N, C-alpha and C. Protein backbone atom coordinates (compact mmCIF):
# COMPACT_ATOMS: atom_id res chain seq x y z
N MET A 1 0.84 -1.19 0.00
CA MET A 1 0.00 0.00 0.00
C MET A 1 0.87 1.24 0.00
N GLY A 2 0.49 2.24 -0.76
CA GLY A 2 1.24 3.48 -0.79
C GLY A 2 1.00 4.30 0.46
N HIS A 3 1.65 5.45 0.54
CA HIS A 3 1.47 6.29 1.71
C HIS A 3 1.52 7.74 1.28
N ASN A 4 0.98 8.60 2.15
CA ASN A 4 1.02 10.03 1.88
C ASN A 4 1.80 10.77 2.96
N PHE A 5 2.78 10.09 3.57
CA PHE A 5 3.59 10.73 4.59
C PHE A 5 4.46 11.80 3.96
N ALA A 6 4.75 12.82 4.76
CA ALA A 6 5.59 13.91 4.27
C ALA A 6 7.07 13.56 4.35
N TYR A 7 7.38 12.46 5.03
CA TYR A 7 8.77 12.05 5.22
C TYR A 7 8.92 10.57 4.88
N ASN A 8 10.12 10.19 4.47
CA ASN A 8 10.40 8.79 4.14
C ASN A 8 11.17 8.06 5.23
N PHE A 9 11.91 8.78 6.07
CA PHE A 9 12.68 8.15 7.14
C PHE A 9 12.18 8.70 8.47
N ILE A 10 11.39 7.90 9.19
CA ILE A 10 10.74 8.33 10.42
C ILE A 10 11.16 7.42 11.56
N ALA A 11 11.59 8.01 12.66
CA ALA A 11 11.94 7.25 13.86
C ALA A 11 10.83 7.39 14.89
N ILE A 12 10.43 6.25 15.46
CA ILE A 12 9.44 6.22 16.53
C ILE A 12 10.17 5.94 17.83
N GLU A 13 10.15 6.89 18.74
CA GLU A 13 10.88 6.73 20.00
C GLU A 13 9.92 6.80 21.18
N GLY A 14 10.45 6.51 22.36
CA GLY A 14 9.67 6.55 23.58
C GLY A 14 10.41 5.84 24.70
N ASN A 15 9.89 5.97 25.88
CA ASN A 15 10.50 5.35 27.05
C ASN A 15 10.32 3.83 27.00
N ILE A 16 10.90 3.13 27.94
CA ILE A 16 10.74 1.68 28.05
C ILE A 16 9.27 1.37 28.32
N GLY A 17 8.67 0.49 27.51
CA GLY A 17 7.28 0.11 27.72
C GLY A 17 6.26 1.00 27.05
N THR A 18 6.71 1.90 26.18
CA THR A 18 5.77 2.82 25.52
C THR A 18 4.96 2.13 24.44
N GLY A 19 5.54 1.14 23.78
CA GLY A 19 4.86 0.46 22.68
C GLY A 19 5.34 0.89 21.32
N LYS A 20 6.55 1.44 21.25
CA LYS A 20 7.06 1.95 19.98
C LYS A 20 7.31 0.84 18.97
N THR A 21 7.80 -0.30 19.42
CA THR A 21 8.07 -1.41 18.50
C THR A 21 6.77 -2.01 17.98
N THR A 22 5.79 -2.15 18.85
CA THR A 22 4.47 -2.64 18.42
C THR A 22 3.89 -1.73 17.35
N LEU A 23 4.01 -0.43 17.55
CA LEU A 23 3.50 0.52 16.55
C LEU A 23 4.25 0.38 15.24
N CYS A 24 5.56 0.20 15.29
CA CYS A 24 6.34 0.04 14.06
C CYS A 24 5.88 -1.20 13.28
N HIS A 25 5.57 -2.28 13.97
CA HIS A 25 5.06 -3.48 13.30
C HIS A 25 3.70 -3.20 12.66
N MET A 26 2.86 -2.42 13.32
CA MET A 26 1.57 -2.07 12.75
C MET A 26 1.74 -1.24 11.48
N LEU A 27 2.68 -0.32 11.50
CA LEU A 27 2.95 0.52 10.33
C LEU A 27 3.47 -0.34 9.17
N ALA A 28 4.29 -1.34 9.50
CA ALA A 28 4.82 -2.23 8.46
C ALA A 28 3.71 -3.05 7.82
N GLN A 29 2.72 -3.45 8.63
CA GLN A 29 1.59 -4.20 8.09
C GLN A 29 0.71 -3.32 7.21
N GLU A 30 0.64 -2.06 7.55
CA GLU A 30 -0.24 -1.13 6.83
C GLU A 30 0.38 -0.65 5.53
N PHE A 31 1.70 -0.54 5.51
CA PHE A 31 2.39 0.05 4.36
C PHE A 31 3.55 -0.83 3.91
N ASP A 32 3.94 -0.65 2.69
CA ASP A 32 5.10 -1.35 2.14
C ASP A 32 6.34 -0.58 2.55
N CYS A 33 6.87 -0.89 3.71
CA CYS A 33 7.98 -0.09 4.23
C CYS A 33 9.04 -0.99 4.86
N LYS A 34 10.18 -0.40 5.11
CA LYS A 34 11.29 -1.10 5.73
C LYS A 34 11.31 -0.78 7.22
N LEU A 35 11.60 -1.79 8.04
CA LEU A 35 11.69 -1.61 9.48
C LEU A 35 13.13 -1.76 9.96
N ILE A 36 13.52 -0.87 10.85
CA ILE A 36 14.79 -1.00 11.56
C ILE A 36 14.43 -1.12 13.03
N LEU A 37 14.54 -2.32 13.58
CA LEU A 37 14.12 -2.60 14.94
C LEU A 37 15.32 -2.95 15.81
N GLU A 38 15.34 -2.36 16.99
CA GLU A 38 16.46 -2.58 17.89
C GLU A 38 16.47 -4.01 18.41
N GLN A 39 17.64 -4.64 18.38
CA GLN A 39 17.78 -6.03 18.82
C GLN A 39 18.29 -6.06 20.26
N PHE A 40 17.47 -5.51 21.16
CA PHE A 40 17.92 -5.37 22.55
C PHE A 40 18.12 -6.70 23.26
N THR A 41 17.37 -7.73 22.84
CA THR A 41 17.47 -9.02 23.53
C THR A 41 18.81 -9.70 23.30
N ASP A 42 19.57 -9.24 22.32
CA ASP A 42 20.87 -9.84 22.02
C ASP A 42 21.97 -9.34 22.95
N ASN A 43 21.67 -8.34 23.78
CA ASN A 43 22.70 -7.78 24.66
C ASN A 43 22.93 -8.70 25.85
N PRO A 44 24.09 -9.38 25.89
CA PRO A 44 24.32 -10.36 26.96
C PRO A 44 24.51 -9.73 28.33
N PHE A 45 24.78 -8.42 28.36
CA PHE A 45 25.03 -7.74 29.64
C PHE A 45 23.76 -7.19 30.27
N LEU A 46 22.65 -7.17 29.54
CA LEU A 46 21.45 -6.49 30.01
C LEU A 46 20.88 -7.07 31.30
N PRO A 47 20.70 -8.39 31.41
CA PRO A 47 20.19 -8.93 32.68
C PRO A 47 21.09 -8.59 33.87
N TYR A 48 22.40 -8.61 33.65
CA TYR A 48 23.34 -8.29 34.73
C TYR A 48 23.26 -6.81 35.09
N PHE A 49 23.01 -5.97 34.07
CA PHE A 49 22.92 -4.54 34.32
C PHE A 49 21.75 -4.22 35.24
N TYR A 50 20.60 -4.84 35.00
CA TYR A 50 19.44 -4.56 35.84
C TYR A 50 19.66 -5.04 37.28
N GLU A 51 20.52 -6.04 37.47
CA GLU A 51 20.82 -6.52 38.82
C GLU A 51 21.90 -5.68 39.49
N ASN A 52 22.88 -5.22 38.69
CA ASN A 52 24.01 -4.46 39.25
C ASN A 52 24.39 -3.35 38.27
N PRO A 53 23.59 -2.26 38.22
CA PRO A 53 23.80 -1.20 37.21
C PRO A 53 25.18 -0.57 37.24
N GLU A 54 25.69 -0.32 38.43
CA GLU A 54 26.97 0.38 38.52
C GLU A 54 28.11 -0.43 37.89
N ARG A 55 28.09 -1.72 38.07
CA ARG A 55 29.17 -2.57 37.56
C ARG A 55 29.06 -2.80 36.06
N TYR A 56 27.83 -2.96 35.57
CA TYR A 56 27.64 -3.39 34.18
C TYR A 56 27.16 -2.28 33.23
N ALA A 57 27.10 -1.06 33.70
CA ALA A 57 26.59 0.03 32.86
C ALA A 57 27.45 0.24 31.61
N PHE A 58 28.78 0.28 31.80
CA PHE A 58 29.63 0.58 30.65
C PHE A 58 29.58 -0.52 29.58
N PRO A 59 29.74 -1.80 29.92
CA PRO A 59 29.66 -2.81 28.86
C PRO A 59 28.28 -2.89 28.22
N VAL A 60 27.21 -2.67 28.99
CA VAL A 60 25.88 -2.76 28.39
C VAL A 60 25.66 -1.63 27.39
N GLU A 61 26.14 -0.43 27.73
CA GLU A 61 25.97 0.71 26.82
C GLU A 61 26.90 0.61 25.62
N LEU A 62 28.10 0.10 25.82
CA LEU A 62 29.03 -0.07 24.71
C LEU A 62 28.50 -1.10 23.72
N PHE A 63 27.93 -2.17 24.21
CA PHE A 63 27.35 -3.19 23.33
C PHE A 63 26.20 -2.60 22.54
N PHE A 64 25.30 -1.89 23.22
CA PHE A 64 24.17 -1.27 22.53
C PHE A 64 24.66 -0.33 21.42
N MET A 65 25.66 0.48 21.73
CA MET A 65 26.13 1.46 20.76
C MET A 65 26.72 0.79 19.52
N THR A 66 27.55 -0.21 19.71
CA THR A 66 28.18 -0.85 18.55
C THR A 66 27.16 -1.62 17.71
N GLU A 67 26.18 -2.25 18.38
CA GLU A 67 25.15 -2.98 17.65
C GLU A 67 24.24 -2.04 16.88
N ARG A 68 23.84 -0.92 17.51
CA ARG A 68 23.00 0.06 16.81
C ARG A 68 23.75 0.65 15.63
N HIS A 69 25.03 0.96 15.82
CA HIS A 69 25.81 1.54 14.73
C HIS A 69 25.90 0.58 13.56
N LYS A 70 26.19 -0.66 13.86
CA LYS A 70 26.29 -1.67 12.79
C LYS A 70 24.97 -1.81 12.05
N GLN A 71 23.87 -1.87 12.79
CA GLN A 71 22.56 -2.05 12.16
C GLN A 71 22.18 -0.84 11.30
N LEU A 72 22.39 0.35 11.82
CA LEU A 72 22.03 1.55 11.06
C LEU A 72 22.91 1.72 9.83
N GLN A 73 24.19 1.42 9.98
CA GLN A 73 25.11 1.54 8.86
C GLN A 73 24.71 0.60 7.73
N GLU A 74 24.32 -0.62 8.08
CA GLU A 74 23.90 -1.58 7.07
C GLU A 74 22.54 -1.22 6.48
N SER A 75 21.63 -0.72 7.30
CA SER A 75 20.26 -0.45 6.85
C SER A 75 20.14 0.82 6.03
N LEU A 76 21.01 1.79 6.29
CA LEU A 76 20.88 3.09 5.64
C LEU A 76 21.92 3.30 4.55
N ALA A 77 22.53 2.22 4.09
CA ALA A 77 23.60 2.34 3.10
C ALA A 77 23.08 2.41 1.67
N GLN A 78 21.78 2.13 1.48
CA GLN A 78 21.25 2.09 0.11
C GLN A 78 21.23 3.47 -0.52
N GLN A 79 21.39 3.49 -1.85
CA GLN A 79 21.37 4.74 -2.58
C GLN A 79 19.98 5.38 -2.60
N ASP A 80 18.93 4.56 -2.47
CA ASP A 80 17.56 5.07 -2.55
C ASP A 80 16.98 5.31 -1.17
N LEU A 81 17.84 5.73 -0.21
CA LEU A 81 17.42 5.90 1.17
C LEU A 81 16.14 6.71 1.30
N PHE A 82 16.08 7.85 0.62
CA PHE A 82 14.94 8.73 0.79
C PHE A 82 13.89 8.55 -0.30
N LYS A 83 13.92 7.41 -0.97
CA LYS A 83 12.86 7.04 -1.90
C LYS A 83 12.01 5.91 -1.32
N GLN A 84 12.53 5.23 -0.32
CA GLN A 84 11.84 4.13 0.32
C GLN A 84 11.37 4.56 1.71
N LEU A 85 10.16 4.17 2.09
CA LEU A 85 9.64 4.48 3.41
C LEU A 85 10.33 3.60 4.45
N ILE A 86 10.92 4.23 5.46
CA ILE A 86 11.64 3.52 6.50
C ILE A 86 11.13 3.97 7.86
N PHE A 87 10.81 3.01 8.73
CA PHE A 87 10.49 3.29 10.13
C PHE A 87 11.54 2.62 11.00
N SER A 88 12.00 3.35 12.00
CA SER A 88 12.92 2.80 12.99
C SER A 88 12.31 2.98 14.38
N ASP A 89 12.55 2.03 15.27
CA ASP A 89 12.01 2.18 16.62
C ASP A 89 13.07 2.74 17.59
N TYR A 90 14.09 3.40 17.04
CA TYR A 90 15.06 4.11 17.87
C TYR A 90 15.85 5.08 17.01
N ILE A 91 16.47 6.04 17.67
CA ILE A 91 17.45 6.92 17.02
C ILE A 91 18.80 6.68 17.71
N PHE A 92 19.86 6.93 16.97
CA PHE A 92 21.18 6.59 17.50
C PHE A 92 21.53 7.42 18.73
N VAL A 93 21.04 8.66 18.80
CA VAL A 93 21.36 9.50 19.95
C VAL A 93 20.78 8.93 21.25
N LYS A 94 19.83 8.01 21.14
CA LYS A 94 19.34 7.30 22.32
C LYS A 94 20.50 6.69 23.08
N THR A 95 21.50 6.23 22.35
CA THR A 95 22.70 5.65 22.95
C THR A 95 23.32 6.60 23.96
N LEU A 96 23.43 7.86 23.57
CA LEU A 96 24.07 8.85 24.42
C LEU A 96 23.18 9.22 25.61
N LEU A 97 21.88 9.28 25.38
CA LEU A 97 20.95 9.66 26.45
C LEU A 97 20.96 8.64 27.58
N PHE A 98 20.92 7.35 27.22
CA PHE A 98 20.94 6.31 28.24
C PHE A 98 22.31 6.25 28.92
N ALA A 99 23.36 6.43 28.14
CA ALA A 99 24.71 6.38 28.71
C ALA A 99 24.92 7.51 29.72
N ARG A 100 24.44 8.70 29.39
CA ARG A 100 24.60 9.84 30.32
C ARG A 100 23.89 9.54 31.64
N ASN A 101 22.80 8.83 31.56
CA ASN A 101 22.03 8.51 32.75
C ASN A 101 22.66 7.38 33.57
N ASN A 102 23.36 6.47 32.89
CA ASN A 102 23.83 5.25 33.55
C ASN A 102 25.31 5.23 33.91
N LEU A 103 26.13 6.07 33.26
CA LEU A 103 27.58 6.00 33.47
C LEU A 103 28.06 7.07 34.44
N ASN A 104 29.18 6.81 35.10
CA ASN A 104 29.79 7.86 35.90
C ASN A 104 30.49 8.85 34.96
N SER A 105 30.94 9.96 35.48
CA SER A 105 31.43 11.06 34.65
C SER A 105 32.63 10.68 33.80
N GLU A 106 33.57 9.91 34.37
CA GLU A 106 34.76 9.52 33.61
C GLU A 106 34.39 8.55 32.50
N GLU A 107 33.54 7.59 32.81
CA GLU A 107 33.10 6.63 31.80
C GLU A 107 32.34 7.35 30.69
N PHE A 108 31.51 8.31 31.07
CA PHE A 108 30.71 8.99 30.06
C PHE A 108 31.57 9.83 29.12
N ARG A 109 32.59 10.46 29.62
CA ARG A 109 33.48 11.26 28.76
C ARG A 109 34.13 10.37 27.69
N LEU A 110 34.57 9.20 28.09
CA LEU A 110 35.15 8.26 27.13
C LEU A 110 34.09 7.78 26.15
N PHE A 111 32.93 7.44 26.68
CA PHE A 111 31.84 6.94 25.85
C PHE A 111 31.42 7.99 24.82
N GLN A 112 31.34 9.23 25.23
CA GLN A 112 30.91 10.30 24.32
C GLN A 112 31.89 10.49 23.18
N ARG A 113 33.18 10.34 23.44
CA ARG A 113 34.17 10.45 22.37
C ARG A 113 33.95 9.37 21.31
N LEU A 114 33.67 8.15 21.76
CA LEU A 114 33.39 7.07 20.82
C LEU A 114 32.09 7.33 20.07
N PHE A 115 31.08 7.79 20.78
CA PHE A 115 29.79 8.08 20.16
C PHE A 115 29.92 9.12 19.05
N ASN A 116 30.66 10.18 19.31
CA ASN A 116 30.77 11.27 18.33
C ASN A 116 31.40 10.80 17.03
N VAL A 117 32.33 9.87 17.12
CA VAL A 117 32.95 9.31 15.91
C VAL A 117 31.92 8.52 15.11
N LEU A 118 31.17 7.67 15.78
CA LEU A 118 30.22 6.80 15.10
C LEU A 118 29.00 7.57 14.61
N ASN A 119 28.62 8.61 15.30
CA ASN A 119 27.39 9.34 15.00
C ASN A 119 27.47 10.11 13.69
N ALA A 120 28.67 10.31 13.17
CA ALA A 120 28.83 11.12 11.97
C ALA A 120 28.73 10.31 10.69
N THR A 121 28.38 9.03 10.77
CA THR A 121 28.52 8.16 9.60
C THR A 121 27.23 7.89 8.84
N TYR A 122 26.08 8.41 9.30
CA TYR A 122 24.83 8.19 8.57
C TYR A 122 23.84 9.31 8.91
N PRO A 123 22.81 9.49 8.10
CA PRO A 123 21.89 10.62 8.29
C PRO A 123 20.94 10.43 9.46
N LYS A 124 20.44 11.55 9.99
CA LYS A 124 19.40 11.51 11.00
C LYS A 124 18.05 11.22 10.34
N PRO A 125 17.08 10.78 11.12
CA PRO A 125 15.73 10.65 10.57
C PRO A 125 15.22 12.01 10.10
N GLU A 126 14.30 11.98 9.16
CA GLU A 126 13.68 13.23 8.70
C GLU A 126 12.64 13.73 9.70
N LEU A 127 12.06 12.80 10.46
CA LEU A 127 11.08 13.14 11.50
C LEU A 127 11.27 12.19 12.68
N LEU A 128 11.30 12.75 13.88
CA LEU A 128 11.34 11.95 15.10
C LEU A 128 9.99 12.07 15.81
N VAL A 129 9.35 10.93 16.03
CA VAL A 129 8.09 10.89 16.76
C VAL A 129 8.35 10.26 18.12
N TYR A 130 8.04 11.01 19.17
CA TYR A 130 8.25 10.51 20.54
C TYR A 130 6.90 10.24 21.17
N LEU A 131 6.65 8.97 21.51
CA LEU A 131 5.41 8.57 22.16
C LEU A 131 5.57 8.71 23.67
N HIS A 132 4.74 9.54 24.26
CA HIS A 132 4.85 9.79 25.71
C HIS A 132 3.68 9.15 26.45
N ARG A 133 4.01 8.41 27.51
CA ARG A 133 3.00 7.84 28.40
C ARG A 133 3.38 8.16 29.85
N PRO A 134 2.40 8.21 30.76
CA PRO A 134 2.72 8.38 32.19
C PRO A 134 3.56 7.20 32.67
N VAL A 135 4.41 7.45 33.64
CA VAL A 135 5.28 6.42 34.18
C VAL A 135 4.47 5.24 34.72
N GLU A 136 3.33 5.53 35.34
CA GLU A 136 2.50 4.45 35.88
C GLU A 136 2.05 3.50 34.77
N THR A 137 1.70 4.06 33.61
CA THR A 137 1.29 3.24 32.47
C THR A 137 2.45 2.43 31.94
N LEU A 138 3.64 3.02 31.91
CA LEU A 138 4.83 2.29 31.47
C LEU A 138 5.09 1.09 32.37
N LEU A 139 4.98 1.29 33.68
CA LEU A 139 5.22 0.19 34.62
C LEU A 139 4.21 -0.93 34.41
N ASP A 140 2.95 -0.58 34.13
CA ASP A 140 1.93 -1.60 33.86
C ASP A 140 2.27 -2.37 32.59
N ASN A 141 2.70 -1.65 31.55
CA ASN A 141 3.05 -2.31 30.29
C ASN A 141 4.25 -3.24 30.44
N ILE A 142 5.24 -2.79 31.20
CA ILE A 142 6.43 -3.61 31.45
C ILE A 142 6.05 -4.90 32.18
N LYS A 143 5.18 -4.75 33.16
CA LYS A 143 4.73 -5.92 33.91
C LYS A 143 3.96 -6.89 33.02
N LYS A 144 3.10 -6.34 32.15
CA LYS A 144 2.26 -7.18 31.30
C LYS A 144 3.09 -7.96 30.27
N ARG A 145 4.13 -7.33 29.72
CA ARG A 145 4.88 -8.06 28.69
C ARG A 145 5.85 -9.07 29.28
N GLY A 146 6.15 -8.95 30.57
CA GLY A 146 6.75 -10.05 31.30
C GLY A 146 8.19 -10.38 31.01
N ARG A 147 8.98 -9.43 30.52
CA ARG A 147 10.41 -9.71 30.34
C ARG A 147 11.07 -9.74 31.72
N SER A 148 11.65 -10.87 32.06
CA SER A 148 12.13 -11.07 33.43
C SER A 148 13.14 -10.01 33.86
N TYR A 149 14.04 -9.64 32.95
CA TYR A 149 15.10 -8.71 33.32
C TYR A 149 14.60 -7.27 33.44
N GLU A 150 13.35 -6.99 33.05
CA GLU A 150 12.80 -5.64 33.15
C GLU A 150 11.95 -5.44 34.41
N GLN A 151 11.65 -6.50 35.13
CA GLN A 151 10.67 -6.40 36.21
C GLN A 151 11.13 -5.54 37.38
N ASP A 152 12.43 -5.30 37.49
CA ASP A 152 12.94 -4.46 38.57
C ASP A 152 13.14 -3.01 38.16
N VAL A 153 12.73 -2.66 36.94
CA VAL A 153 12.82 -1.27 36.50
C VAL A 153 11.92 -0.42 37.38
N SER A 154 12.47 0.66 37.91
CA SER A 154 11.73 1.49 38.87
C SER A 154 11.11 2.70 38.20
N ALA A 155 10.15 3.28 38.89
CA ALA A 155 9.51 4.51 38.40
C ALA A 155 10.55 5.65 38.31
N SER A 156 11.46 5.70 39.26
CA SER A 156 12.47 6.76 39.26
C SER A 156 13.40 6.63 38.06
N TYR A 157 13.75 5.39 37.69
CA TYR A 157 14.61 5.18 36.52
C TYR A 157 13.89 5.60 35.24
N LEU A 158 12.61 5.24 35.11
CA LEU A 158 11.84 5.64 33.93
C LEU A 158 11.72 7.16 33.85
N LEU A 159 11.58 7.81 35.00
CA LEU A 159 11.49 9.27 35.01
C LEU A 159 12.82 9.89 34.58
N GLN A 160 13.93 9.29 34.99
CA GLN A 160 15.25 9.79 34.57
C GLN A 160 15.41 9.68 33.06
N ILE A 161 14.98 8.55 32.49
CA ILE A 161 15.07 8.37 31.04
C ILE A 161 14.18 9.38 30.32
N GLN A 162 12.97 9.56 30.82
CA GLN A 162 12.06 10.55 30.23
C GLN A 162 12.69 11.94 30.24
N ASN A 163 13.28 12.33 31.36
CA ASN A 163 13.90 13.65 31.46
C ASN A 163 15.09 13.78 30.51
N ALA A 164 15.82 12.68 30.30
CA ALA A 164 16.95 12.72 29.37
C ALA A 164 16.48 13.01 27.95
N TYR A 165 15.38 12.38 27.55
CA TYR A 165 14.82 12.66 26.22
C TYR A 165 14.40 14.11 26.10
N PHE A 166 13.69 14.62 27.09
CA PHE A 166 13.17 15.98 26.99
C PHE A 166 14.29 17.02 27.05
N ASP A 167 15.36 16.72 27.77
CA ASP A 167 16.52 17.62 27.75
C ASP A 167 17.13 17.66 26.35
N TYR A 168 17.17 16.50 25.70
CA TYR A 168 17.70 16.44 24.33
C TYR A 168 16.81 17.22 23.36
N PHE A 169 15.49 17.10 23.51
CA PHE A 169 14.58 17.79 22.61
C PHE A 169 14.77 19.31 22.67
N LYS A 170 15.16 19.82 23.84
CA LYS A 170 15.33 21.26 24.01
C LYS A 170 16.49 21.81 23.19
N ILE A 171 17.47 20.95 22.89
CA ILE A 171 18.67 21.44 22.19
C ILE A 171 18.73 20.98 20.73
N GLU A 172 17.86 20.05 20.33
CA GLU A 172 17.85 19.57 18.95
C GLU A 172 17.05 20.54 18.09
N GLU A 173 17.73 21.24 17.18
CA GLU A 173 17.08 22.27 16.37
C GLU A 173 17.06 21.94 14.88
N ASP A 174 17.75 20.89 14.48
CA ASP A 174 17.88 20.60 13.04
C ASP A 174 16.80 19.66 12.52
N MET A 175 16.07 19.00 13.41
CA MET A 175 15.14 17.96 13.01
C MET A 175 13.78 18.23 13.63
N PRO A 176 12.69 18.03 12.87
CA PRO A 176 11.36 18.16 13.47
C PRO A 176 11.11 17.01 14.44
N ILE A 177 10.60 17.34 15.63
CA ILE A 177 10.30 16.36 16.67
C ILE A 177 8.83 16.49 17.03
N LEU A 178 8.10 15.41 16.89
CA LEU A 178 6.68 15.39 17.21
C LEU A 178 6.49 14.59 18.50
N ILE A 179 6.19 15.28 19.59
CA ILE A 179 5.94 14.63 20.88
C ILE A 179 4.44 14.41 21.01
N ILE A 180 4.04 13.15 21.10
CA ILE A 180 2.62 12.81 21.18
C ILE A 180 2.33 12.18 22.53
N ASP A 181 1.54 12.86 23.33
CA ASP A 181 1.10 12.31 24.62
C ASP A 181 -0.07 11.37 24.33
N ILE A 182 0.21 10.08 24.36
CA ILE A 182 -0.82 9.10 23.99
C ILE A 182 -1.52 8.50 25.21
N GLY A 183 -1.13 8.93 26.41
CA GLY A 183 -1.83 8.48 27.61
C GLY A 183 -1.87 6.97 27.70
N GLN A 184 -3.09 6.42 27.71
CA GLN A 184 -3.27 4.97 27.77
C GLN A 184 -3.86 4.42 26.47
N GLN A 185 -3.71 5.18 25.39
CA GLN A 185 -4.24 4.73 24.11
C GLN A 185 -3.58 3.42 23.68
N ASN A 186 -4.36 2.56 23.07
CA ASN A 186 -3.88 1.28 22.55
C ASN A 186 -4.15 1.26 21.05
N PHE A 187 -3.08 1.43 20.26
CA PHE A 187 -3.25 1.54 18.81
C PHE A 187 -3.79 0.26 18.19
N LYS A 188 -3.48 -0.88 18.79
CA LYS A 188 -3.94 -2.15 18.24
C LYS A 188 -5.44 -2.34 18.44
N LYS A 189 -5.96 -1.83 19.56
CA LYS A 189 -7.38 -2.01 19.88
C LYS A 189 -8.25 -0.82 19.46
N GLU A 190 -7.62 0.33 19.25
CA GLU A 190 -8.38 1.55 18.95
C GLU A 190 -7.95 2.08 17.59
N ASP A 191 -8.71 1.69 16.57
CA ASP A 191 -8.33 2.07 15.21
C ASP A 191 -8.38 3.57 15.01
N ALA A 192 -9.29 4.26 15.69
CA ALA A 192 -9.39 5.72 15.53
C ALA A 192 -8.10 6.40 15.97
N SER A 193 -7.50 5.88 17.03
CA SER A 193 -6.22 6.45 17.49
C SER A 193 -5.12 6.21 16.46
N PHE A 194 -5.11 5.01 15.89
CA PHE A 194 -4.11 4.68 14.88
C PHE A 194 -4.28 5.56 13.64
N GLN A 195 -5.52 5.77 13.22
CA GLN A 195 -5.78 6.62 12.06
C GLN A 195 -5.39 8.07 12.33
N LEU A 196 -5.62 8.52 13.56
CA LEU A 196 -5.20 9.88 13.93
C LEU A 196 -3.69 10.01 13.86
N LEU A 197 -3.00 8.98 14.31
CA LEU A 197 -1.54 9.01 14.23
C LEU A 197 -1.08 9.08 12.77
N LEU A 198 -1.71 8.30 11.90
CA LEU A 198 -1.35 8.34 10.48
C LEU A 198 -1.57 9.73 9.91
N ASP A 199 -2.64 10.40 10.33
CA ASP A 199 -2.89 11.77 9.88
C ASP A 199 -1.76 12.70 10.32
N LEU A 200 -1.29 12.51 11.55
CA LEU A 200 -0.20 13.35 12.06
C LEU A 200 1.08 13.09 11.28
N LEU A 201 1.32 11.84 10.89
CA LEU A 201 2.53 11.52 10.14
C LEU A 201 2.48 12.04 8.70
N SER A 202 1.31 12.39 8.22
CA SER A 202 1.17 12.88 6.85
C SER A 202 1.47 14.38 6.73
N LYS A 203 1.65 15.04 7.88
CA LYS A 203 1.87 16.48 7.87
C LYS A 203 3.36 16.82 7.83
N LYS A 204 3.64 18.01 7.39
CA LYS A 204 5.00 18.53 7.36
C LYS A 204 5.22 19.41 8.59
N TYR A 205 6.37 19.30 9.20
CA TYR A 205 6.66 20.06 10.42
C TYR A 205 7.97 20.83 10.27
N THR A 206 8.01 21.99 10.88
CA THR A 206 9.25 22.77 10.88
C THR A 206 10.22 22.15 11.89
N PRO A 207 11.53 22.35 11.73
CA PRO A 207 12.50 21.84 12.71
C PRO A 207 12.19 22.37 14.11
N GLY A 208 12.43 21.54 15.10
CA GLY A 208 12.08 21.90 16.46
C GLY A 208 10.99 20.98 16.99
N THR A 209 10.48 21.32 18.17
CA THR A 209 9.56 20.45 18.88
C THR A 209 8.11 20.86 18.70
N HIS A 210 7.25 19.86 18.47
CA HIS A 210 5.81 20.07 18.32
C HIS A 210 5.09 19.10 19.27
N TYR A 211 4.08 19.60 19.97
CA TYR A 211 3.37 18.80 20.98
C TYR A 211 1.94 18.51 20.54
N ILE A 212 1.55 17.25 20.70
CA ILE A 212 0.17 16.83 20.43
C ILE A 212 -0.27 15.95 21.60
N SER A 213 -1.52 16.10 22.04
CA SER A 213 -2.04 15.26 23.09
C SER A 213 -3.30 14.55 22.61
N PHE A 214 -3.34 13.24 22.84
CA PHE A 214 -4.54 12.46 22.51
C PHE A 214 -5.48 12.48 23.72
N SER A 215 -6.73 12.82 23.48
CA SER A 215 -7.72 12.73 24.55
C SER A 215 -8.29 11.33 24.59
N SER A 216 -9.12 11.06 25.56
CA SER A 216 -9.71 9.72 25.69
C SER A 216 -10.62 9.38 24.52
N THR A 217 -11.01 10.40 23.75
CA THR A 217 -11.88 10.15 22.59
C THR A 217 -11.09 10.11 21.31
N SER A 218 -9.74 9.99 21.41
CA SER A 218 -8.85 9.84 20.26
C SER A 218 -8.88 11.04 19.34
N THR A 219 -8.93 12.24 19.94
CA THR A 219 -8.83 13.46 19.15
C THR A 219 -7.65 14.25 19.66
N ALA A 220 -7.03 15.00 18.77
CA ALA A 220 -5.88 15.80 19.17
C ALA A 220 -6.37 17.12 19.74
N ARG A 221 -5.65 17.62 20.75
CA ARG A 221 -6.03 18.91 21.31
C ARG A 221 -4.77 19.72 21.56
């Protein structure tokens, strides 16, 4: 199926448990598009990190960064990059946001030097869509999906990640960012919400941050 989106390379982001990957799969079913999905389950350090964050933060973040870089480099190498519709469920700068939150100052300085080298090797998304949910809803979603290594994720940690994203949005001026407060909306069960999202993706946005809130009746306000 064709599309009327204003952009061809769109990243769907959000906190842990937001449902960004589920949404990307729905978009792939709806349209003939390419998906770039984060392979977080392949990180061998992740279960240890949730048990002992201070000890395992650096290897877990380093693994994520190298895997994301490899995947993006391979996925975005085609000559027809901006002729094909592409959805990704992460942006590479996510690597830096999580690392800043999880690493001590000396580790982060080293990590940032490595990040800056890798970050210059491929283009940014044309549009970044950030799905925002209340922390309480995120915790419910994490519990429901039942990944054992996520069950100890705390509300305070989710709030730190949320704040890291919003701090980044304040300084990102080159890319349009669409922040959508989706509350407890379920795109799989509520087609009106999904159609509203598609309408939002069809619009053109100026660089900088744009805010949309979904009400309980699936209308933007």
